[in-house]
Amino acid sequence: MSNFTRRGFLGLTSAAALGAGLSACTGGGASTGGGATQSGSNELRLFTYEGDETIGLLKAQIKKFDEQNGTTTTVDSLPGSGAAVYPDKLRTELLGGKGPDIWRIWGGQIGAPFAKAKQALDLSPYYSKYGWDSKISTTAIGGMTFDGVKTGVPFVSLGIGAWYNKSLFAKAGVSGPPKTYAELEALNDKLVAVGVTPCGLGGKYGWDIMRLFEYLLEHTAGPDLHDKLLTGAESWDRPEVVEAFTLFKKWQDKKWLPQGALGLDPADIEPGYVQGKTAYTITGPWTEAAAILTAKKSPAGFGNFELPTDKTPARHSGFVEGYMINAKTGNADKAAALLDFILQPAAQKAMQISASTVKGAEPDPKALPLSAEWSTKYGGNPFYTIQDQAFPKKQADQYFSVQSDLLQGSVQPDAAAKKMQEIVSAWAKS
């Protein structure tokens, strides 16, 4: 996993993640590049980044649909490619006139260009026809709505929070999760005092340690300003951002992060809370299967909580994934019917989607108790768009350089805030 990146990780849908909507970094596989179907045809083509481990589950559901509807659906996948490759491949196909009828895509600034270019169909009529508004999480729908137009239908919604080792909290004399930011800092100090590294995050690739900064920004800026910063509607050169960068550096300097965090691979450090090397990490529900169950540990020894922001409403970082339909397809009705079929609770469960947006397809408490707990407690809470999905890849990479320079001490918090303003304003203007 030497090439394991945050944007590659967004493509994970492995058996280990039990279909959390995420595809394994296994590489291999390629799209055959067939074109969108013509009007009146019974053929459909779906393009996805589903991993080899779970592609069979998707194909099985599509086969059922085809048998019931007299259609023939080709499924092409580009597994392990993540958001660094897949969107560009899709864009090339669409521009060449050979795009699929349906494609899977992330929300935020990864999916937005396809809506802006009107390559994706307005799905509002199908939301009305199939009642998706009442069947799917409203928050998740918002993540696939661009400029007020529902150009995508979400099936996965993932929230980022703290996942912790109960025994290490107990070692520090802490009985439960912190309720305020001050309590979180106090918890960190108590953990350090008993020789435990609090938060296991790695800076290699940028995206993992980014989860800490975006949380700190939510704490200092609050929901309204945070959202405006992400769109360039407000300047980053301001006290709230400087304060967030100051706290970010504080977490490193007080040893609340692992030694040499910037050089650590997330794949190595994130499971540290399960191994007893760190007390907690900042991650999503996939960690229960990927880290806890694969280590043959009992979920009872671990817990999760929404990081306290001291702001109202309480929010966490999150992202959605869903499907879009080609605006030029000749089979929009059949494509929408297929999406409605796989958005049924039974199909979602059969595909093992443990973070489904569909009501009635919530995680099984017996199989994934902690994921079910997160879904019950926090799944309905609003979220701010995870930062590397809020920004296009170029700007996200530039931000990663800023956070790296800050933690290395080559720039100060005020200079980091000014640099971020330069990066975001240049993008917003374009």
Protein backbone atom coordinates (compact mmCIF):
# COMPACT_ATOMS: atom_id res chain seq x y z
CA MET A 1 0.00 0.00 0.00
CA SER A 2 2.91 2.32 -0.62
CA ASN A 3 0.72 4.31 -3.00
CA PHE A 4 -2.14 4.49 -0.51
CA THR A 5 -3.61 7.99 -0.72
CA ARG A 6 -6.63 9.69 0.80
CA ARG A 7 -8.23 10.00 -2.60
CA GLY A 8 -7.36 6.41 -3.35
CA PHE A 9 -8.88 5.46 -0.04
CA LEU A 10 -12.13 7.14 -1.00
CA GLY A 11 -12.37 4.46 -3.64
CA LEU A 12 -12.28 1.57 -1.17
CA THR A 13 -15.10 -0.96 -1.27
CA SER A 14 -13.40 -4.02 0.11
CA ALA A 15 -14.80 -7.06 1.80
CA ALA A 16 -12.82 -5.94 4.83
CA ALA A 17 -14.78 -2.73 4.88
CA LEU A 18 -17.97 -4.79 4.44
CA GLY A 19 -19.11 -2.59 1.60
CA ALA A 20 -18.89 0.62 3.59
CA GLY A 21 -19.04 2.30 0.24
CA LEU A 22 -15.39 2.40 0.17
CA SER A 23 -12.85 0.03 -3.01
CA ALA A 24 -9.73 -1.77 -2.09
CA CYS A 25 -6.34 -0.39 -3.08
CA THR A 26 -5.69 -3.50 -5.10
CA GLY A 27 -5.31 -1.98 -8.54
CA GLY A 28 -6.11 -4.00 -11.63
CA GLY A 29 -9.21 -3.99 -13.74
CA ALA A 30 -10.16 -1.50 -16.38
CA SER A 31 -13.18 -0.11 -18.14
CA THR A 32 -13.95 -1.55 -21.52
CA GLY A 33 -15.14 1.89 -22.61
CA GLY A 34 -18.48 1.09 -24.22
CA GLY A 35 -20.75 4.02 -25.04
CA ALA A 36 -24.05 5.25 -23.63
CA THR A 37 -27.00 3.39 -25.07
CA GLN A 38 -29.35 4.64 -27.75
CA SER A 39 -33.03 5.34 -27.23
CA GLY A 40 -35.18 2.23 -27.27
CA SER A 41 -32.31 -0.11 -26.48
CA ASN A 42 -32.54 -2.67 -23.67
CA GLU A 43 -28.84 -2.33 -22.94
CA LEU A 44 -27.29 -0.28 -20.15
CA ARG A 45 -23.73 0.35 -19.07
CA LEU A 46 -22.68 1.20 -15.51
CA PHE A 47 -19.18 2.48 -14.66
CA THR A 48 -17.89 2.19 -11.10
CA TYR A 49 -14.74 1.91 -8.98
CA GLU A 50 -16.06 -1.04 -6.99
CA GLY A 51 -13.30 -3.30 -5.70
CA ASP A 52 -12.76 -6.84 -6.96
CA GLU A 53 -13.83 -8.18 -3.56
CA THR A 54 -17.38 -6.83 -3.75
CA ILE A 55 -18.05 -6.26 -7.44
CA GLY A 56 -19.82 -9.63 -7.51
CA LEU A 57 -22.39 -8.40 -4.98
CA LEU A 58 -23.25 -5.44 -7.20
CA LYS A 59 -23.40 -7.59 -10.32
CA ALA A 60 -25.71 -10.07 -8.60
CA GLN A 61 -28.25 -7.32 -7.87
CA ILE A 62 -28.00 -5.94 -11.38
CA LYS A 63 -28.54 -9.44 -12.78
CA LYS A 64 -31.78 -9.65 -10.78
CA PHE A 65 -32.90 -6.32 -12.22
CA ASP A 66 -32.04 -7.41 -15.76
CA GLU A 67 -33.98 -10.66 -15.38
CA GLN A 68 -37.03 -8.80 -14.15
CA ASN A 69 -36.89 -6.02 -16.75
CA GLY A 70 -35.54 -7.65 -19.88
CA THR A 71 -32.44 -5.48 -19.89
CA THR A 72 -28.77 -6.31 -20.33
CA THR A 73 -26.46 -4.24 -18.15
CA THR A 74 -22.69 -4.18 -18.58
CA VAL A 75 -20.72 -3.30 -15.44
CA ASP A 76 -17.25 -1.85 -15.95
CA SER A 77 -15.02 -1.05 -13.01
CA LEU A 78 -11.72 0.70 -12.39
CA PRO A 79 -10.96 -0.66 -8.91
CA GLY A 80 -8.28 0.79 -6.69
CA SER A 81 -7.96 3.89 -8.82
CA GLY A 82 -9.56 6.29 -6.37
CA ALA A 83 -10.39 9.90 -7.04
CA ALA A 84 -6.97 10.59 -8.52
CA VAL A 85 -7.68 8.51 -11.64
CA TYR A 86 -11.32 7.47 -11.94
CA PRO A 87 -12.92 10.91 -12.52
CA ASP A 88 -10.40 11.71 -15.26
CA LYS A 89 -11.11 8.39 -17.00
CA LEU A 90 -14.84 9.08 -16.77
CA ARG A 91 -14.42 12.63 -18.04
CA THR A 92 -12.38 11.43 -21.02
CA GLU A 93 -15.12 8.94 -21.95
CA LEU A 94 -17.84 11.55 -21.67
CA LEU A 95 -15.96 14.08 -23.78
CA GLY A 96 -15.34 11.38 -26.37
CA GLY A 97 -19.03 10.58 -26.59
CA LYS A 98 -18.59 7.10 -25.15
CA GLY A 99 -19.66 7.70 -21.57
CA PRO A 100 -21.63 5.16 -19.55
CA ASP A 101 -25.37 5.43 -18.91
CA ILE A 102 -24.76 5.41 -15.15
CA TRP A 103 -21.65 6.12 -13.12
CA ARG A 104 -20.69 6.03 -9.49
CA ILE A 105 -19.08 9.20 -8.11
CA TRP A 106 -18.19 11.06 -4.93
CA GLY A 107 -20.05 14.19 -3.92
CA GLY A 108 -18.52 17.59 -3.30
CA GLN A 109 -15.97 19.00 -5.74
CA ILE A 110 -15.32 15.59 -7.28
CA GLY A 111 -18.86 15.17 -8.54
CA ALA A 112 -19.60 18.86 -9.07
CA PRO A 113 -17.77 19.28 -12.43
CA PHE A 114 -20.02 16.69 -14.08
CA ALA A 115 -23.10 18.58 -12.93
CA LYS A 116 -21.66 21.96 -13.88
CA ALA A 117 -20.81 20.71 -17.38
CA LYS A 118 -24.36 19.32 -17.66
CA GLN A 119 -22.94 15.88 -18.40
CA ALA A 120 -25.10 14.50 -15.59
CA LEU A 121 -28.87 14.39 -15.91
CA ASP A 122 -31.18 16.36 -13.59
CA LEU A 123 -32.71 13.54 -11.54
CA SER A 124 -35.49 15.63 -9.97
CA PRO A 125 -38.25 13.89 -11.99
CA TYR A 126 -37.03 10.52 -10.74
CA TYR A 127 -36.82 11.73 -7.15
CA SER A 128 -40.53 12.49 -7.53
CA LYS A 129 -41.38 9.29 -9.40
CA TYR A 130 -39.65 6.94 -6.94
CA GLY A 131 -40.05 8.95 -3.75
CA TRP A 132 -36.32 9.11 -3.12
CA ASP A 133 -36.71 12.27 -1.02
CA SER A 134 -38.56 10.28 1.64
CA LYS A 135 -36.47 7.11 1.33
CA ILE A 136 -32.96 8.61 1.45
CA SER A 137 -31.20 10.76 4.05
CA THR A 138 -31.89 14.45 3.40
CA THR A 139 -28.34 15.37 4.42
CA ALA A 140 -26.90 12.87 1.96
CA ILE A 141 -29.11 14.17 -0.86
CA GLY A 142 -27.65 17.61 -0.19
CA GLY A 143 -24.21 16.19 -0.90
CA MET A 144 -25.29 15.19 -4.41
CA THR A 145 -27.18 18.40 -5.15
CA PHE A 146 -25.29 21.04 -7.13
CA ASP A 147 -26.52 24.61 -7.62
CA GLY A 148 -29.91 23.46 -6.42
CA VAL A 149 -30.14 20.62 -8.96
CA LYS A 150 -30.29 16.98 -7.87
CA THR A 151 -27.85 15.55 -10.38
CA GLY A 152 -26.92 12.55 -8.26
CA VAL A 153 -28.60 10.07 -5.96
CA PRO A 154 -26.50 9.08 -2.91
CA PHE A 155 -26.30 5.56 -1.53
CA VAL A 156 -23.37 5.91 0.87
CA SER A 157 -22.86 8.57 3.54
CA LEU A 158 -19.81 8.33 5.74
CA GLY A 159 -19.10 10.36 8.85
CA ILE A 160 -15.68 10.92 10.42
CA GLY A 161 -15.31 10.80 14.19
CA ALA A 162 -13.05 9.57 16.98
CA TRP A 163 -12.68 5.81 17.45
CA TYR A 164 -11.01 4.88 20.71
CA ASN A 165 -9.57 2.13 22.88
CA LYS A 166 -11.56 1.93 26.13
CA SER A 167 -8.75 0.30 28.12
CA LEU A 168 -6.33 3.15 27.34
CA PHE A 169 -8.92 5.75 28.31
CA ALA A 170 -9.34 3.85 31.59
CA LYS A 171 -5.56 3.78 32.08
CA ALA A 172 -5.63 7.59 31.96
CA GLY A 173 -8.48 7.66 34.46
CA VAL A 174 -11.07 8.70 31.90
CA SER A 175 -14.44 6.98 32.03
CA GLY A 176 -15.99 8.26 28.81
CA PRO A 177 -15.68 10.50 25.75
CA PRO A 178 -15.08 14.27 26.16
CA LYS A 179 -18.10 16.55 25.83
CA THR A 180 -16.22 19.80 25.11
CA TYR A 181 -13.04 20.80 23.32
CA ALA A 182 -11.44 21.69 26.68
CA GLU A 183 -12.22 18.19 27.92
CA LEU A 184 -10.60 16.75 24.80
CA GLU A 185 -7.39 18.68 25.47
CA ALA A 186 -7.50 17.55 29.12
CA LEU A 187 -7.94 13.96 27.95
CA ASN A 188 -4.87 14.30 25.72
CA ASP A 189 -2.77 15.57 28.63
CA LYS A 190 -3.91 12.69 30.85
CA LEU A 191 -3.02 10.16 28.19
CA VAL A 192 0.44 11.65 27.66
CA ALA A 193 0.98 11.61 31.45
CA VAL A 194 0.55 7.81 31.51
CA GLY A 195 2.75 7.26 28.46
CA VAL A 196 0.05 6.90 25.83
CA THR A 197 0.05 8.77 22.50
CA PRO A 198 -3.44 10.28 22.23
CA CYS A 199 -4.33 10.63 18.54
CA GLY A 200 -3.03 8.29 15.86
CA LEU A 201 -2.85 10.19 12.57
CA GLY A 202 -0.27 10.11 9.78
CA GLY A 203 0.86 13.00 7.60
CA LYS A 204 2.06 11.03 4.58
CA TYR A 205 -0.19 11.98 1.63
CA GLY A 206 -1.77 14.78 3.68
CA TRP A 207 -5.38 13.61 3.90
CA ASP A 208 -5.26 11.72 7.20
CA ILE A 209 -3.83 14.45 9.42
CA MET A 210 -6.07 16.88 7.54
CA ARG A 211 -8.98 15.39 9.50
CA LEU A 212 -7.63 17.01 12.64
CA PHE A 213 -7.26 20.47 11.11
CA GLU A 214 -10.73 20.52 9.59
CA TYR A 215 -12.16 19.56 13.00
CA LEU A 216 -10.21 22.36 14.67
CA LEU A 217 -11.49 24.79 12.03
CA GLU A 218 -15.07 23.74 12.77
CA HIS A 219 -14.35 24.41 16.47
CA THR A 220 -12.84 27.87 15.93
CA ALA A 221 -14.92 29.11 13.00
CA GLY A 222 -18.28 27.45 13.61
CA PRO A 223 -20.59 25.93 10.97
CA ASP A 224 -21.60 29.02 8.99
CA LEU A 225 -18.12 30.49 8.59
CA HIS A 226 -16.54 27.07 7.99
CA ASP A 227 -18.89 26.42 5.06
CA LYS A 228 -18.20 29.85 3.58
CA LEU A 229 -14.45 29.31 3.87
CA LEU A 230 -14.73 26.07 1.91
CA THR A 231 -16.42 27.84 -0.99
CA GLY A 232 -14.23 30.94 -0.94
CA ALA A 233 -17.15 33.12 0.15
CA GLU A 234 -15.13 34.37 3.13
CA SER A 235 -11.43 35.13 3.47
CA TRP A 236 -9.13 32.59 5.15
CA ASP A 237 -6.89 35.46 6.29
CA ARG A 238 -8.75 35.91 9.58
CA PRO A 239 -8.37 35.22 13.33
CA GLU A 240 -10.51 32.06 13.37
CA VAL A 241 -8.28 30.36 10.79
CA VAL A 242 -5.10 31.54 12.52
CA GLU A 243 -6.45 30.08 15.76
CA ALA A 244 -7.18 26.74 14.07
CA PHE A 245 -3.66 26.55 12.65
CA THR A 246 -2.26 27.53 16.06
CA LEU A 247 -4.15 24.67 17.71
CA PHE A 248 -3.02 22.32 14.93
CA LYS A 249 0.61 23.07 15.74
CA LYS A 250 -0.17 22.76 19.45
CA TRP A 251 -1.34 19.18 18.97
CA GLN A 252 2.02 18.28 17.52
CA ASP A 253 4.11 20.24 20.00
CA LYS A 254 2.34 18.77 23.04
CA LYS A 255 2.90 15.24 21.69
CA TRP A 256 -0.82 14.63 21.23
CA LEU A 257 0.16 13.20 17.83
CA PRO A 258 2.70 10.41 17.21
CA GLN A 259 6.37 11.25 17.01
CA GLY A 260 7.23 12.09 13.40
CA ALA A 261 3.54 12.15 12.46
CA LEU A 262 4.16 13.93 9.16
CA GLY A 263 6.08 10.97 7.76
CA LEU A 264 3.72 8.24 8.95
CA ASP A 265 1.60 6.23 6.54
CA PRO A 266 -2.10 6.27 7.54
CA ALA A 267 -2.34 2.56 6.74
CA ASP A 268 0.22 1.90 9.48
CA ILE A 269 -0.82 4.38 12.17
CA GLU A 270 -4.62 4.44 11.90
CA PRO A 271 -5.08 0.91 13.35
CA GLY A 272 -2.79 1.91 16.24
CA TYR A 273 -5.73 2.41 18.60
CA VAL A 274 -6.67 -1.25 18.13
CA GLN A 275 -3.09 -2.38 18.72
CA GLY A 276 -2.78 -0.28 21.89
CA LYS A 277 -0.18 2.05 20.39
CA THR A 278 -2.46 5.10 20.40
CA ALA A 279 -5.63 5.90 22.33
CA TYR A 280 -7.80 6.96 19.41
CA THR A 281 -7.85 7.96 15.77
CA ILE A 282 -10.08 10.12 13.59
CA THR A 283 -11.74 7.91 11.00
CA GLY A 284 -15.00 6.46 9.73
CA PRO A 285 -17.14 3.36 10.43
CA TRP A 286 -15.14 1.20 8.03
CA THR A 287 -12.51 0.93 10.77
CA GLU A 288 -14.66 -1.52 12.73
CA ALA A 289 -14.31 -4.17 10.06
CA ALA A 290 -10.97 -3.08 8.64
CA ALA A 291 -9.10 -2.62 11.94
CA ILE A 292 -11.03 -4.14 14.85
CA LEU A 293 -12.56 -7.29 13.36
CA THR A 294 -9.58 -8.14 11.16
CA ALA A 295 -7.42 -8.02 14.31
CA LYS A 296 -9.89 -10.49 15.86
CA LYS A 297 -10.68 -8.05 18.65
CA SER A 298 -14.05 -7.68 20.31
CA PRO A 299 -15.84 -4.43 19.42
CA ALA A 300 -16.83 -4.23 23.10
CA GLY A 301 -13.33 -2.99 23.90
CA PHE A 302 -13.71 0.07 21.70
CA GLY A 303 -16.02 3.03 21.23
CA ASN A 304 -16.62 6.06 19.07
CA PHE A 305 -17.76 9.65 19.55
CA GLU A 306 -18.38 12.81 17.59
CA LEU A 307 -15.51 15.22 18.21
CA PRO A 308 -16.85 18.08 20.37
CA THR A 309 -16.86 21.45 18.60
CA ASP A 310 -18.66 23.56 21.24
CA LYS A 311 -20.82 24.83 18.38
CA THR A 312 -24.48 24.46 17.37
CA PRO A 313 -25.43 22.46 15.46
CA ALA A 314 -22.93 19.75 16.33
CA ARG A 315 -21.37 18.54 13.08
CA HIS A 316 -18.71 16.13 11.95
CA SER A 317 -16.69 15.72 8.77
CA GLY A 318 -18.37 13.60 6.14
CA PHE A 319 -18.77 12.71 2.51
CA VAL A 320 -21.23 10.96 0.25
CA GLU A 321 -21.00 8.72 -2.77
CA GLY A 322 -23.75 8.07 -5.25
CA TYR A 323 -24.73 7.59 -8.85
CA MET A 324 -25.28 9.94 -11.78
CA ILE A 325 -27.05 9.31 -15.09
CA ASN A 326 -25.59 10.45 -18.40
CA ALA A 327 -27.50 13.46 -19.73
CA LYS A 328 -27.07 12.02 -23.25
CA THR A 329 -28.31 8.51 -22.52
CA GLY A 330 -31.18 7.26 -24.59
CA ASN A 331 -32.29 5.08 -21.69
CA ALA A 332 -32.81 7.51 -18.81
CA ASP A 333 -36.00 5.81 -17.59
CA LYS A 334 -34.41 2.36 -17.49
CA ALA A 335 -31.26 3.75 -15.90
CA ALA A 336 -33.34 5.40 -13.17
CA ALA A 337 -35.31 2.19 -12.67
CA LEU A 338 -32.04 0.32 -12.14
CA LEU A 339 -30.91 2.87 -9.57
CA ASP A 340 -34.22 2.60 -7.75
CA PHE A 341 -33.82 -1.19 -7.69
CA ILE A 342 -30.37 -1.09 -6.08
CA LEU A 343 -31.52 1.63 -3.66
CA GLN A 344 -34.03 -0.73 -2.07
CA PRO A 345 -33.13 -1.77 1.51
CA ALA A 346 -32.94 -5.47 0.55
CA ALA A 347 -30.49 -4.75 -2.27
CA GLN A 348 -28.38 -2.46 -0.08
CA LYS A 349 -28.13 -5.18 2.57
CA ALA A 350 -27.32 -7.82 -0.04
CA MET A 351 -24.47 -5.61 -1.25
CA GLN A 352 -23.30 -5.21 2.37
CA ILE A 353 -23.44 -1.41 2.30
CA SER A 354 -22.83 -0.69 5.98
CA ALA A 355 -23.12 3.09 5.65
CA SER A 356 -26.18 3.21 3.41
CA THR A 357 -28.19 6.40 2.99
CA VAL A 358 -31.35 4.33 2.48
CA LYS A 359 -33.81 4.21 5.34
CA GLY A 360 -34.27 0.61 6.43
CA ALA A 361 -30.76 -0.43 5.39
CA GLU A 362 -28.96 0.62 8.58
CA PRO A 363 -25.94 -1.40 9.85
CA ASP A 364 -26.69 -4.71 11.56
CA PRO A 365 -25.99 -4.24 15.30
CA LYS A 366 -25.05 -7.91 15.62
CA ALA A 367 -22.43 -7.84 12.88
CA LEU A 368 -21.17 -4.28 13.29
CA PRO A 369 -22.25 -2.98 16.72
CA LEU A 370 -20.03 0.11 16.71
CA SER A 371 -21.02 1.13 13.19
CA ALA A 372 -24.66 0.70 14.20
CA GLU A 373 -24.01 2.80 17.31
CA TRP A 374 -22.45 5.58 15.24
CA SER A 375 -25.35 5.48 12.80
CA THR A 376 -27.91 5.71 15.60
CA LYS A 377 -26.18 8.45 17.59
CA TYR A 378 -24.63 10.62 14.90
CA GLY A 379 -25.75 9.37 11.49
CA GLY A 380 -28.55 11.92 11.32
CA ASN A 381 -26.36 14.86 12.33
CA PRO A 382 -25.31 17.40 9.71
CA PHE A 383 -21.75 17.27 8.41
CA TYR A 384 -19.28 19.63 6.83
CA THR A 385 -17.75 18.40 3.58
CA ILE A 386 -14.47 16.63 4.17
CA GLN A 387 -11.78 19.07 3.08
CA ASP A 388 -10.20 17.17 0.23
CA GLN A 389 -13.63 16.66 -1.29
CA ALA A 390 -14.57 20.30 -0.72
CA PHE A 391 -11.58 21.37 -2.83
CA PRO A 392 -10.48 20.19 -6.29
CA LYS A 393 -7.39 18.00 -6.25
CA LYS A 394 -4.96 20.81 -7.11
CA GLN A 395 -6.13 22.99 -4.22
CA ALA A 396 -6.28 20.04 -1.83
CA ASP A 397 -2.66 19.18 -2.63
CA GLN A 398 -1.66 22.81 -2.11
CA TYR A 399 -3.40 22.78 1.26
CA PHE A 400 -1.51 19.63 2.24
CA SER A 401 1.73 21.51 1.56
CA VAL A 402 0.60 24.35 3.83
CA GLN A 403 -0.24 22.03 6.73
CA SER A 404 3.08 20.24 6.26
CA ASP A 405 5.04 23.51 6.26
CA LEU A 406 3.20 24.63 9.39
CA LEU A 407 3.94 21.46 11.35
CA GLN A 408 7.57 21.57 10.25
CA GLY A 409 7.80 25.14 11.54
CA SER A 410 8.70 26.73 8.22
CA VAL A 411 5.57 28.92 8.29
CA GLN A 412 3.66 30.44 11.19
CA PRO A 413 -0.13 30.19 11.67
CA ASP A 414 -0.80 33.71 10.36
CA ALA A 415 1.27 33.05 7.24
CA ALA A 416 -0.52 29.72 6.75
CA ALA A 417 -3.88 31.49 6.86
CA LYS A 418 -2.71 34.01 4.26
CA LYS A 419 -1.40 31.23 2.01
CA MET A 420 -4.72 29.38 2.25
CA GLN A 421 -6.52 32.55 1.19
CA GLU A 422 -4.30 32.76 -1.89
CA ILE A 423 -5.02 29.13 -2.76
CA VAL A 424 -8.79 29.25 -2.25
CA SER A 425 -9.37 32.68 -3.79
CA ALA A 426 -7.51 31.68 -6.98
CA TRP A 427 -9.76 28.63 -7.29
CA ALA A 428 -12.97 30.50 -6.41
CA LYS A 429 -12.25 33.14 -9.06
CA SER A 430 -11.71 30.49 -11.71
